[in-house]
Amino acid sequence: MSNHAGGPYSPAMVTRSDILVLGLTAGVTGCLVGGMMFGIGMGLVAASVHIGWLLVLPSAPVAGVLGYLLARKLANKVESGTR
């Protein structure tokens, strides 16, 4: 499972370290962004400012979209062959 250049028909593979970094980065970024949105939104809702629901409800999907975008970035790197 190495990522060394193979023959002319052998595409580059994703290494374990790439997957580990992707998972850690997506998890930390998603938790920070989603958690901040949720926390600020719930603070507003608790203070009877109902616009806070606009931060609470999309907090989890926004965190997931960040992970998806990071995965697409890694996929584009692998396809182009750059590291």
PDB file of N, CA and C in Angstrom:
ATOM      1  N   MET A   1       0.814  -1.186   0.000  1.00  0.00           N
ATOM      2  CA  MET A   1       0.000   0.000   0.000  1.00  0.00           C
ATOM      3  C   MET A   1       0.855   1.244   0.000  1.00  0.00           C
ATOM      4  N   SER A   2       1.894   1.225  -0.766  1.00  0.00           N
ATOM      5  CA  SER A   2       2.730   2.414  -0.814  1.00  0.00           C
ATOM      6  C   SER A   2       2.212   3.353  -1.894  1.00  0.00           C
ATOM      7  N   ASN A   3       2.744   4.520  -1.909  1.00  0.00           N
ATOM      8  CA  ASN A   3       2.311   5.532  -2.860  1.00  0.00           C
ATOM      9  C   ASN A   3       3.427   5.863  -3.841  1.00  0.00           C
ATOM     10  N   HIS A   4       4.329   4.920  -4.031  1.00  0.00           N
ATOM     11  CA  HIS A   4       5.423   5.146  -4.967  1.00  0.00           C
ATOM     12  C   HIS A   4       4.902   5.036  -6.387  1.00  0.00           C
ATOM     13  N   ALA A   5       5.573   5.728  -7.269  1.00  0.00           N
ATOM     14  CA  ALA A   5       5.147   5.719  -8.660  1.00  0.00           C
ATOM     15  C   ALA A   5       5.269   4.305  -9.226  1.00  0.00           C
ATOM     16  N   GLY A   6       4.212   3.849  -9.822  1.00  0.00           N
ATOM     17  CA  GLY A   6       4.193   2.520 -10.411  1.00  0.00           C
ATOM     18  C   GLY A   6       4.385   2.595 -11.908  1.00  0.00           C
ATOM     19  N   GLY A   7       3.803   1.636 -12.587  1.00  0.00           N
ATOM     20  CA  GLY A   7       3.881   1.619 -14.033  1.00  0.00           C
ATOM     21  C   GLY A   7       3.008   2.707 -14.635  1.00  0.00           C
ATOM     22  N   PRO A   8       2.956   2.741 -15.964  1.00  0.00           N
ATOM     23  CA  PRO A   8       2.193   3.808 -16.613  1.00  0.00           C
ATOM     24  C   PRO A   8       0.688   3.699 -16.371  1.00  0.00           C
ATOM     25  N   TYR A   9       0.194   2.518 -15.979  1.00  0.00           N
ATOM     26  CA  TYR A   9      -1.238   2.351 -15.771  1.00  0.00           C
ATOM     27  C   TYR A   9      -1.594   2.229 -14.295  1.00  0.00           C
ATOM     28  N   SER A  10      -0.648   2.520 -13.429  1.00  0.00           N
ATOM     29  CA  SER A  10      -0.871   2.391 -11.996  1.00  0.00           C
ATOM     30  C   SER A  10      -1.116   3.774 -11.383  1.00  0.00           C
ATOM     31  N   PRO A  11      -2.365   4.086 -10.993  1.00  0.00           N
ATOM     32  CA  PRO A  11      -2.622   5.402 -10.402  1.00  0.00           C
ATOM     33  C   PRO A  11      -2.077   5.483  -8.980  1.00  0.00           C
ATOM     34  N   ALA A  12      -1.850   6.680  -8.509  1.00  0.00           N
ATOM     35  CA  ALA A  12      -1.372   6.885  -7.139  1.00  0.00           C
ATOM     36  C   ALA A  12      -2.462   6.480  -6.161  1.00  0.00           C
ATOM     37  N   MET A  13      -2.048   5.956  -5.023  1.00  0.00           N
ATOM     38  CA  MET A  13      -3.003   5.526  -4.007  1.00  0.00           C
ATOM     39  C   MET A  13      -2.958   6.462  -2.815  1.00  0.00           C
ATOM     40  N   VAL A  14      -4.035   6.485  -2.080  1.00  0.00           N
ATOM     41  CA  VAL A  14      -4.091   7.258  -0.843  1.00  0.00           C
ATOM     42  C   VAL A  14      -3.383   6.449   0.240  1.00  0.00           C
ATOM     43  N   THR A  15      -2.512   7.101   0.987  1.00  0.00           N
ATOM     44  CA  THR A  15      -1.794   6.402   2.042  1.00  0.00           C
ATOM     45  C   THR A  15      -2.585   6.453   3.347  1.00  0.00           C
ATOM     46  N   ARG A  16      -2.149   5.658   4.289  1.00  0.00           N
ATOM     47  CA  ARG A  16      -2.808   5.651   5.601  1.00  0.00           C
ATOM     48  C   ARG A  16      -2.676   6.989   6.289  1.00  0.00           C
ATOM     49  N   SER A  17      -1.536   7.620   6.116  1.00  0.00           N
ATOM     50  CA  SER A  17      -1.334   8.921   6.765  1.00  0.00           C
ATOM     51  C   SER A  17      -2.283   9.971   6.183  1.00  0.00           C
ATOM     52  N   ASP A  18      -2.562   9.892   4.872  1.00  0.00           N
ATOM     53  CA  ASP A  18      -3.524  10.813   4.263  1.00  0.00           C
ATOM     54  C   ASP A  18      -4.911  10.636   4.868  1.00  0.00           C
ATOM     55  N   ILE A  19      -5.320   9.397   5.052  1.00  0.00           N
ATOM     56  CA  ILE A  19      -6.631   9.114   5.613  1.00  0.00           C
ATOM     57  C   ILE A  19      -6.698   9.554   7.068  1.00  0.00           C
ATOM     58  N   LEU A  20      -5.617   9.312   7.813  1.00  0.00           N
ATOM     59  CA  LEU A  20      -5.570   9.721   9.218  1.00  0.00           C
ATOM     60  C   LEU A  20      -5.650  11.234   9.350  1.00  0.00           C
ATOM     61  N   VAL A  21      -4.875  11.950   8.552  1.00  0.00           N
ATOM     62  CA  VAL A  21      -4.887  13.413   8.598  1.00  0.00           C
ATOM     63  C   VAL A  21      -6.252  13.944   8.165  1.00  0.00           C
ATOM     64  N   LEU A  22      -6.846  13.331   7.142  1.00  0.00           N
ATOM     65  CA  LEU A  22      -8.174  13.759   6.694  1.00  0.00           C
ATOM     66  C   LEU A  22      -9.201  13.584   7.805  1.00  0.00           C
ATOM     67  N   GLY A  23      -9.189  12.451   8.484  1.00  0.00           N
ATOM     68  CA  GLY A  23     -10.151  12.198   9.549  1.00  0.00           C
ATOM     69  C   GLY A  23      -9.976  13.136  10.719  1.00  0.00           C
ATOM     70  N   LEU A  24      -8.727  13.345  11.130  1.00  0.00           N
ATOM     71  CA  LEU A  24      -8.478  14.251  12.246  1.00  0.00           C
ATOM     72  C   LEU A  24      -8.839  15.688  11.895  1.00  0.00           C
ATOM     73  N   THR A  25      -8.458  16.119  10.723  1.00  0.00           N
ATOM     74  CA  THR A  25      -8.754  17.486  10.311  1.00  0.00           C
ATOM     75  C   THR A  25     -10.251  17.718  10.178  1.00  0.00           C
ATOM     76  N   ALA A  26     -10.937  16.777   9.539  1.00  0.00           N
ATOM     77  CA  ALA A  26     -12.386  16.923   9.365  1.00  0.00           C
ATOM     78  C   ALA A  26     -13.096  16.877  10.712  1.00  0.00           C
ATOM     79  N   GLY A  27     -12.659  16.015  11.608  1.00  0.00           N
ATOM     80  CA  GLY A  27     -13.297  15.914  12.920  1.00  0.00           C
ATOM     81  C   GLY A  27     -13.098  17.156  13.756  1.00  0.00           C
ATOM     82  N   VAL A  28     -11.874  17.649  13.805  1.00  0.00           N
ATOM     83  CA  VAL A  28     -11.588  18.826  14.618  1.00  0.00           C
ATOM     84  C   VAL A  28     -12.272  20.065  14.038  1.00  0.00           C
ATOM     85  N   THR A  29     -12.157  20.252  12.732  1.00  0.00           N
ATOM     86  CA  THR A  29     -12.782  21.413  12.102  1.00  0.00           C
ATOM     87  C   THR A  29     -14.296  21.363  12.233  1.00  0.00           C
ATOM     88  N   GLY A  30     -14.875  20.191  11.992  1.00  0.00           N
ATOM     89  CA  GLY A  30     -16.323  20.053  12.103  1.00  0.00           C
ATOM     90  C   GLY A  30     -16.825  20.292  13.507  1.00  0.00           C
ATOM     91  N   CYS A  31     -16.104  19.768  14.496  1.00  0.00           N
ATOM     92  CA  CYS A  31     -16.504  19.983  15.889  1.00  0.00           C
ATOM     93  C   CYS A  31     -16.397  21.443  16.286  1.00  0.00           C
ATOM     94  N   LEU A  32     -15.329  22.093  15.874  1.00  0.00           N
ATOM     95  CA  LEU A  32     -15.172  23.503  16.232  1.00  0.00           C
ATOM     96  C   LEU A  32     -16.247  24.375  15.598  1.00  0.00           C
ATOM     97  N   VAL A  33     -16.447  24.213  14.306  1.00  0.00           N
ATOM     98  CA  VAL A  33     -17.418  25.059  13.614  1.00  0.00           C
ATOM     99  C   VAL A  33     -18.843  24.714  14.038  1.00  0.00           C
ATOM    100  N   GLY A  34     -19.190  23.419  14.011  1.00  0.00           N
ATOM    101  CA  GLY A  34     -20.535  23.008  14.412  1.00  0.00           C
ATOM    102  C   GLY A  34     -20.825  23.309  15.868  1.00  0.00           C
ATOM    103  N   GLY A  35     -19.853  23.089  16.730  1.00  0.00           N
ATOM    104  CA  GLY A  35     -20.036  23.364  18.148  1.00  0.00           C
ATOM    105  C   GLY A  35     -20.204  24.841  18.439  1.00  0.00           C
ATOM    106  N   MET A  36     -19.435  25.670  17.750  1.00  0.00           N
ATOM    107  CA  MET A  36     -19.584  27.112  17.945  1.00  0.00           C
ATOM    108  C   MET A  36     -20.944  27.592  17.462  1.00  0.00           C
ATOM    109  N   MET A  37     -21.373  27.104  16.303  1.00  0.00           N
ATOM    110  CA  MET A  37     -22.701  27.489  15.802  1.00  0.00           C
ATOM    111  C   MET A  37     -23.790  27.041  16.769  1.00  0.00           C
ATOM    112  N   PHE A  38     -23.673  25.811  17.254  1.00  0.00           N
ATOM    113  CA  PHE A  38     -24.683  25.282  18.176  1.00  0.00           C
ATOM    114  C   PHE A  38     -24.678  26.050  19.488  1.00  0.00           C
ATOM    115  N   GLY A  39     -23.508  26.307  20.028  1.00  0.00           N
ATOM    116  CA  GLY A  39     -23.410  27.002  21.308  1.00  0.00           C
ATOM    117  C   GLY A  39     -23.930  28.428  21.244  1.00  0.00           C
ATOM    118  N   ILE A  40     -23.535  29.157  20.224  1.00  0.00           N
ATOM    119  CA  ILE A  40     -24.007  30.538  20.083  1.00  0.00           C
ATOM    120  C   ILE A  40     -25.511  30.550  19.824  1.00  0.00           C
ATOM    121  N   GLY A  41     -25.970  29.636  18.981  1.00  0.00           N
ATOM    122  CA  GLY A  41     -27.406  29.572  18.688  1.00  0.00           C
ATOM    123  C   GLY A  41     -28.233  29.228  19.907  1.00  0.00           C
ATOM    124  N   MET A  42     -27.780  28.260  20.703  1.00  0.00           N
ATOM    125  CA  MET A  42     -28.533  27.900  21.904  1.00  0.00           C
ATOM    126  C   MET A  42     -28.498  29.020  22.933  1.00  0.00           C
ATOM    127  N   GLY A  43     -27.406  29.756  22.980  1.00  0.00           N
ATOM    128  CA  GLY A  43     -27.351  30.919  23.866  1.00  0.00           C
ATOM    129  C   GLY A  43     -28.372  31.974  23.475  1.00  0.00           C
ATOM    130  N   LEU A  44     -28.504  32.175  22.170  1.00  0.00           N
ATOM    131  CA  LEU A  44     -29.506  33.127  21.699  1.00  0.00           C
ATOM    132  C   LEU A  44     -30.922  32.639  21.970  1.00  0.00           C
ATOM    133  N   VAL A  45     -31.170  31.349  21.736  1.00  0.00           N
ATOM    134  CA  VAL A  45     -32.505  30.787  21.976  1.00  0.00           C
ATOM    135  C   VAL A  45     -32.850  30.862  23.458  1.00  0.00           C
ATOM    136  N   ALA A  46     -31.887  30.585  24.314  1.00  0.00           N
ATOM    137  CA  ALA A  46     -32.136  30.656  25.757  1.00  0.00           C
ATOM    138  C   ALA A  46     -32.431  32.078  26.208  1.00  0.00           C
ATOM    139  N   ALA A  47     -31.925  33.058  25.472  1.00  0.00           N
ATOM    140  CA  ALA A  47     -32.185  34.459  25.794  1.00  0.00           C
ATOM    141  C   ALA A  47     -33.429  34.975  25.068  1.00  0.00           C
ATOM    142  N   SER A  48     -34.251  34.061  24.553  1.00  0.00           N
ATOM    143  CA  SER A  48     -35.495  34.388  23.832  1.00  0.00           C
ATOM    144  C   SER A  48     -35.262  35.172  22.546  1.00  0.00           C
ATOM    145  N   VAL A  49     -34.127  34.957  21.924  1.00  0.00           N
ATOM    146  CA  VAL A  49     -33.862  35.530  20.604  1.00  0.00           C
ATOM    147  C   VAL A  49     -34.000  34.375  19.613  1.00  0.00           C
ATOM    148  N   HIS A  50     -35.151  34.306  18.983  1.00  0.00           N
ATOM    149  CA  HIS A  50     -35.483  33.121  18.189  1.00  0.00           C
ATOM    150  C   HIS A  50     -34.697  33.008  16.888  1.00  0.00           C
ATOM    151  N   ILE A  51     -33.996  34.040  16.500  1.00  0.00           N
ATOM    152  CA  ILE A  51     -33.151  33.935  15.308  1.00  0.00           C
ATOM    153  C   ILE A  51     -31.989  32.973  15.557  1.00  0.00           C
ATOM    154  N   GLY A  52     -31.736  32.640  16.825  1.00  0.00           N
ATOM    155  CA  GLY A  52     -30.692  31.674  17.160  1.00  0.00           C
ATOM    156  C   GLY A  52     -30.940  30.299  16.558  1.00  0.00           C
ATOM    157  N   TRP A  53     -32.214  29.989  16.266  1.00  0.00           N
ATOM    158  CA  TRP A  53     -32.519  28.709  15.622  1.00  0.00           C
ATOM    159  C   TRP A  53     -31.871  28.607  14.249  1.00  0.00           C
ATOM    160  N   LEU A  54     -31.610  29.755  13.616  1.00  0.00           N
ATOM    161  CA  LEU A  54     -30.931  29.729  12.317  1.00  0.00           C
ATOM    162  C   LEU A  54     -29.473  29.294  12.436  1.00  0.00           C
ATOM    163  N   LEU A  55     -28.925  29.360  13.627  1.00  0.00           N
ATOM    164  CA  LEU A  55     -27.579  28.838  13.858  1.00  0.00           C
ATOM    165  C   LEU A  55     -27.612  27.413  14.386  1.00  0.00           C
ATOM    166  N   VAL A  56     -28.633  27.080  15.175  1.00  0.00           N
ATOM    167  CA  VAL A  56     -28.695  25.757  15.803  1.00  0.00           C
ATOM    168  C   VAL A  56     -28.997  24.674  14.777  1.00  0.00           C
ATOM    169  N   LEU A  57     -30.008  24.886  13.966  1.00  0.00           N
ATOM    170  CA  LEU A  57     -30.477  23.814  13.081  1.00  0.00           C
ATOM    171  C   LEU A  57     -29.468  23.382  12.019  1.00  0.00           C
ATOM    172  N   PRO A  58     -28.760  24.286  11.358  1.00  0.00           N
ATOM    173  CA  PRO A  58     -27.808  23.817  10.340  1.00  0.00           C
ATOM    174  C   PRO A  58     -26.406  23.518  10.880  1.00  0.00           C
ATOM    175  N   SER A  59     -26.209  23.488  12.182  1.00  0.00           N
ATOM    176  CA  SER A  59     -24.844  23.329  12.701  1.00  0.00           C
ATOM    177  C   SER A  59     -24.246  21.968  12.360  1.00  0.00           C
ATOM    178  N   ALA A  60     -24.998  20.896  12.480  1.00  0.00           N
ATOM    179  CA  ALA A  60     -24.460  19.568  12.164  1.00  0.00           C
ATOM    180  C   ALA A  60     -24.222  19.387  10.665  1.00  0.00           C
ATOM    181  N   PRO A  61     -25.161  19.773   9.789  1.00  0.00           N
ATOM    182  CA  PRO A  61     -24.862  19.635   8.355  1.00  0.00           C
ATOM    183  C   PRO A  61     -23.667  20.471   7.901  1.00  0.00           C
ATOM    184  N   VAL A  62     -23.488  21.639   8.478  1.00  0.00           N
ATOM    185  CA  VAL A  62     -22.333  22.467   8.105  1.00  0.00           C
ATOM    186  C   VAL A  62     -21.038  21.761   8.498  1.00  0.00           C
ATOM    187  N   ALA A  63     -21.025  21.140   9.662  1.00  0.00           N
ATOM    188  CA  ALA A  63     -19.841  20.398  10.093  1.00  0.00           C
ATOM    189  C   ALA A  63     -19.557  19.237   9.145  1.00  0.00           C
ATOM    190  N   GLY A  64     -20.587  18.559   8.686  1.00  0.00           N
ATOM    191  CA  GLY A  64     -20.401  17.457   7.743  1.00  0.00           C
ATOM    192  C   GLY A  64     -19.931  17.922   6.382  1.00  0.00           C
ATOM    193  N   VAL A  65     -20.425  19.061   5.938  1.00  0.00           N
ATOM    194  CA  VAL A  65     -20.019  19.596   4.632  1.00  0.00           C
ATOM    195  C   VAL A  65     -18.535  19.953   4.643  1.00  0.00           C
ATOM    196  N   LEU A  66     -18.036  20.436   5.762  1.00  0.00           N
ATOM    197  CA  LEU A  66     -16.601  20.738   5.846  1.00  0.00           C
ATOM    198  C   LEU A  66     -15.765  19.470   5.653  1.00  0.00           C
ATOM    199  N   GLY A  67     -16.173  18.369   6.270  1.00  0.00           N
ATOM    200  CA  GLY A  67     -15.474  17.102   6.071  1.00  0.00           C
ATOM    201  C   GLY A  67     -15.534  16.639   4.630  1.00  0.00           C
ATOM    202  N   TYR A  68     -16.696  16.808   4.009  1.00  0.00           N
ATOM    203  CA  TYR A  68     -16.861  16.434   2.599  1.00  0.00           C
ATOM    204  C   TYR A  68     -15.934  17.260   1.702  1.00  0.00           C
ATOM    205  N   LEU A  69     -15.841  18.556   1.965  1.00  0.00           N
ATOM    206  CA  LEU A  69     -14.968  19.402   1.154  1.00  0.00           C
ATOM    207  C   LEU A  69     -13.498  19.033   1.325  1.00  0.00           C
ATOM    208  N   LEU A  70     -13.100  18.680   2.534  1.00  0.00           N
ATOM    209  CA  LEU A  70     -11.720  18.240   2.754  1.00  0.00           C
ATOM    210  C   LEU A  70     -11.443  16.923   2.033  1.00  0.00           C
ATOM    211  N   ALA A  71     -12.419  16.023   2.004  1.00  0.00           N
ATOM    212  CA  ALA A  71     -12.247  14.760   1.287  1.00  0.00           C
ATOM    213  C   ALA A  71     -12.143  14.986  -0.215  1.00  0.00           C
ATOM    214  N   ARG A  72     -12.927  15.916  -0.746  1.00  0.00           N
ATOM    215  CA  ARG A  72     -12.840  16.226  -2.177  1.00  0.00           C
ATOM    216  C   ARG A  72     -11.472  16.832  -2.520  1.00  0.00           C
ATOM    217  N   LYS A  73     -10.948  17.639  -1.603  1.00  0.00           N
ATOM    218  CA  LYS A  73      -9.627  18.234  -1.811  1.00  0.00           C
ATOM    219  C   LYS A  73      -8.559  17.144  -1.894  1.00  0.00           C
ATOM    220  N   LEU A  74      -8.641  16.155  -1.000  1.00  0.00           N
ATOM    221  CA  LEU A  74      -7.691  15.046  -1.036  1.00  0.00           C
ATOM    222  C   LEU A  74      -7.859  14.230  -2.313  1.00  0.00           C
ATOM    223  N   ALA A  75      -9.094  13.999  -2.740  1.00  0.00           N
ATOM    224  CA  ALA A  75      -9.332  13.239  -3.965  1.00  0.00           C
ATOM    225  C   ALA A  75      -8.755  13.961  -5.180  1.00  0.00           C
ATOM    226  N   ASN A  76      -8.881  15.270  -5.223  1.00  0.00           N
ATOM    227  CA  ASN A  76      -8.312  16.011  -6.341  1.00  0.00           C
ATOM    228  C   ASN A  76      -6.789  15.965  -6.330  1.00  0.00           C
ATOM    229  N   LYS A  77      -6.179  15.965  -5.138  1.00  0.00           N
ATOM    230  CA  LYS A  77      -4.726  15.842  -5.051  1.00  0.00           C
ATOM    231  C   LYS A  77      -4.264  14.496  -5.580  1.00  0.00           C
ATOM    232  N   VAL A  78      -4.982  13.436  -5.231  1.00  0.00           N
ATOM    233  CA  VAL A  78      -4.597  12.091  -5.668  1.00  0.00           C
ATOM    234  C   VAL A  78      -4.763  11.961  -7.172  1.00  0.00           C
ATOM    235  N   GLU A  79      -5.855  12.508  -7.717  1.00  0.00           N
ATOM    236  CA  GLU A  79      -6.089  12.418  -9.160  1.00  0.00           C
ATOM    237  C   GLU A  79      -5.024  13.176  -9.957  1.00  0.00           C
ATOM    238  N   SER A  80      -4.612  14.330  -9.445  1.00  0.00           N
ATOM    239  CA  SER A  80      -3.622  15.118 -10.189  1.00  0.00           C
ATOM    240  C   SER A  80      -2.201  14.616  -9.938  1.00  0.00           C
ATOM    241  N   GLY A  81      -2.014  13.804  -8.888  1.00  0.00           N
ATOM    242  CA  GLY A  81      -0.698  13.242  -8.628  1.00  0.00           C
ATOM    243  C   GLY A  81       0.196  14.128  -7.795  1.00  0.00           C
ATOM    244  N   THR A  82      -0.284  15.282  -7.342  1.00  0.00           N
ATOM    245  CA  THR A  82       0.547  16.150  -6.512  1.00  0.00           C
ATOM    246  C   THR A  82       0.381  15.758  -5.053  1.00  0.00           C
ATOM    247  N   ARG A  83       1.340  16.019  -4.271  1.00  0.00           N
ATOM    248  CA  ARG A  83       1.306  15.704  -2.833  1.00  0.00           C
ATOM    249  C   ARG A  83       1.543  16.930  -2.108  1.00  0.00           C
TER     250      ARG A  83
END
